[in-house]
Amino acid sequence: MALERRLSRAMFGATEVVELRQMCFTPGRVFEPGKYITGDLPDVAFTMGLVEKLPPVRGKSEDIANATEEE
């Protein structure tokens, strides 16, 4: 028997970046796996347990900003 993992949008900040682990289908849109701002995802993604917090980032903030600009 599989364990069910239910989360709530309230566990995340409104502007926090989270990872969607699986595709999420809604009547109006299909969300591909990837990184999203919490407010951009539908509630069903959270209640189905498809969303995870990203691990903390190591390093100086200016190093991280430079790395994302180069991608």
Protein backbone atom coordinates (compact mmCIF):
# COMPACT_ATOMS: atom_id res chain seq x y z
CA MET A 1 0.00 0.00 0.00
CA ALA A 2 1.44 3.37 -1.02
CA LEU A 3 1.72 6.23 1.41
CA GLU A 4 -0.29 9.28 0.48
CA ARG A 5 1.42 12.60 0.94
CA ARG A 6 -0.87 15.60 1.18
CA LEU A 7 0.51 19.10 1.42
CA SER A 8 -1.08 22.48 1.70
CA ARG A 9 -0.27 25.68 -0.14
CA ALA A 10 -0.06 27.28 3.32
CA MET A 11 3.20 25.37 3.97
CA PHE A 12 4.95 27.51 1.34
CA GLY A 13 5.50 31.24 1.00
CA ALA A 14 3.48 33.02 -1.71
CA THR A 15 6.62 33.90 -3.69
CA GLU A 16 8.66 30.82 -2.78
CA VAL A 17 10.12 28.81 -5.66
CA VAL A 18 9.13 25.14 -5.45
CA GLU A 19 9.63 22.08 -7.64
CA LEU A 20 6.76 20.33 -9.38
CA ARG A 21 7.86 16.68 -9.56
CA GLN A 22 5.22 15.33 -11.97
CA MET A 23 2.93 16.66 -14.66
CA CYS A 24 -0.20 18.31 -13.31
CA PHE A 25 -3.30 18.43 -15.51
CA THR A 26 -5.99 21.03 -14.93
CA PRO A 27 -8.97 21.85 -17.19
CA GLY A 28 -7.23 25.01 -18.40
CA ARG A 29 -3.55 24.07 -18.49
CA VAL A 30 -0.93 21.34 -18.29
CA PHE A 31 1.94 22.04 -15.89
CA GLU A 32 5.23 20.36 -16.84
CA PRO A 33 7.67 19.24 -14.11
CA GLY A 34 10.07 22.00 -13.11
CA LYS A 35 10.48 25.02 -10.87
CA TYR A 36 7.54 27.35 -10.26
CA ILE A 37 6.54 30.16 -7.93
CA THR A 38 4.02 28.83 -5.43
CA GLY A 39 1.32 31.27 -6.56
CA ASP A 40 1.54 30.03 -10.17
CA LEU A 41 0.56 26.43 -9.36
CA PRO A 42 -3.01 25.21 -8.80
CA ASP A 43 -4.16 23.97 -5.38
CA VAL A 44 -4.56 20.43 -6.72
CA ALA A 45 -0.78 20.17 -7.24
CA PHE A 46 -0.28 20.68 -3.51
CA THR A 47 -3.07 18.40 -2.32
CA MET A 48 -1.87 15.60 -4.61
CA GLY A 49 1.65 15.88 -3.18
CA LEU A 50 3.30 16.84 -6.47
CA VAL A 51 5.18 19.82 -5.03
CA GLU A 52 8.40 19.81 -2.99
CA LYS A 53 10.48 22.50 -1.36
CA LEU A 54 13.80 23.13 -3.03
CA PRO A 55 16.90 22.34 -0.96
CA PRO A 56 18.75 25.32 0.52
CA VAL A 57 21.26 26.93 -1.80
CA ARG A 58 24.91 26.98 -0.79
CA GLY A 59 27.29 29.78 -1.65
CA LYS A 60 27.18 33.53 -1.77
CA SER A 61 24.12 35.18 -3.26
CA GLU A 62 26.14 36.99 -5.93
CA ASP A 63 27.59 33.65 -7.12
CA ILE A 64 24.07 32.26 -7.48
CA ALA A 65 22.86 35.34 -9.40
CA ASN A 66 25.76 35.04 -11.84
CA ALA A 67 25.15 31.33 -12.39
CA THR A 68 21.46 31.85 -13.24
CA GLU A 69 22.28 34.70 -15.67
CA GLU A 70 24.72 32.49 -17.58
CA GLU A 71 22.15 29.70 -18.16
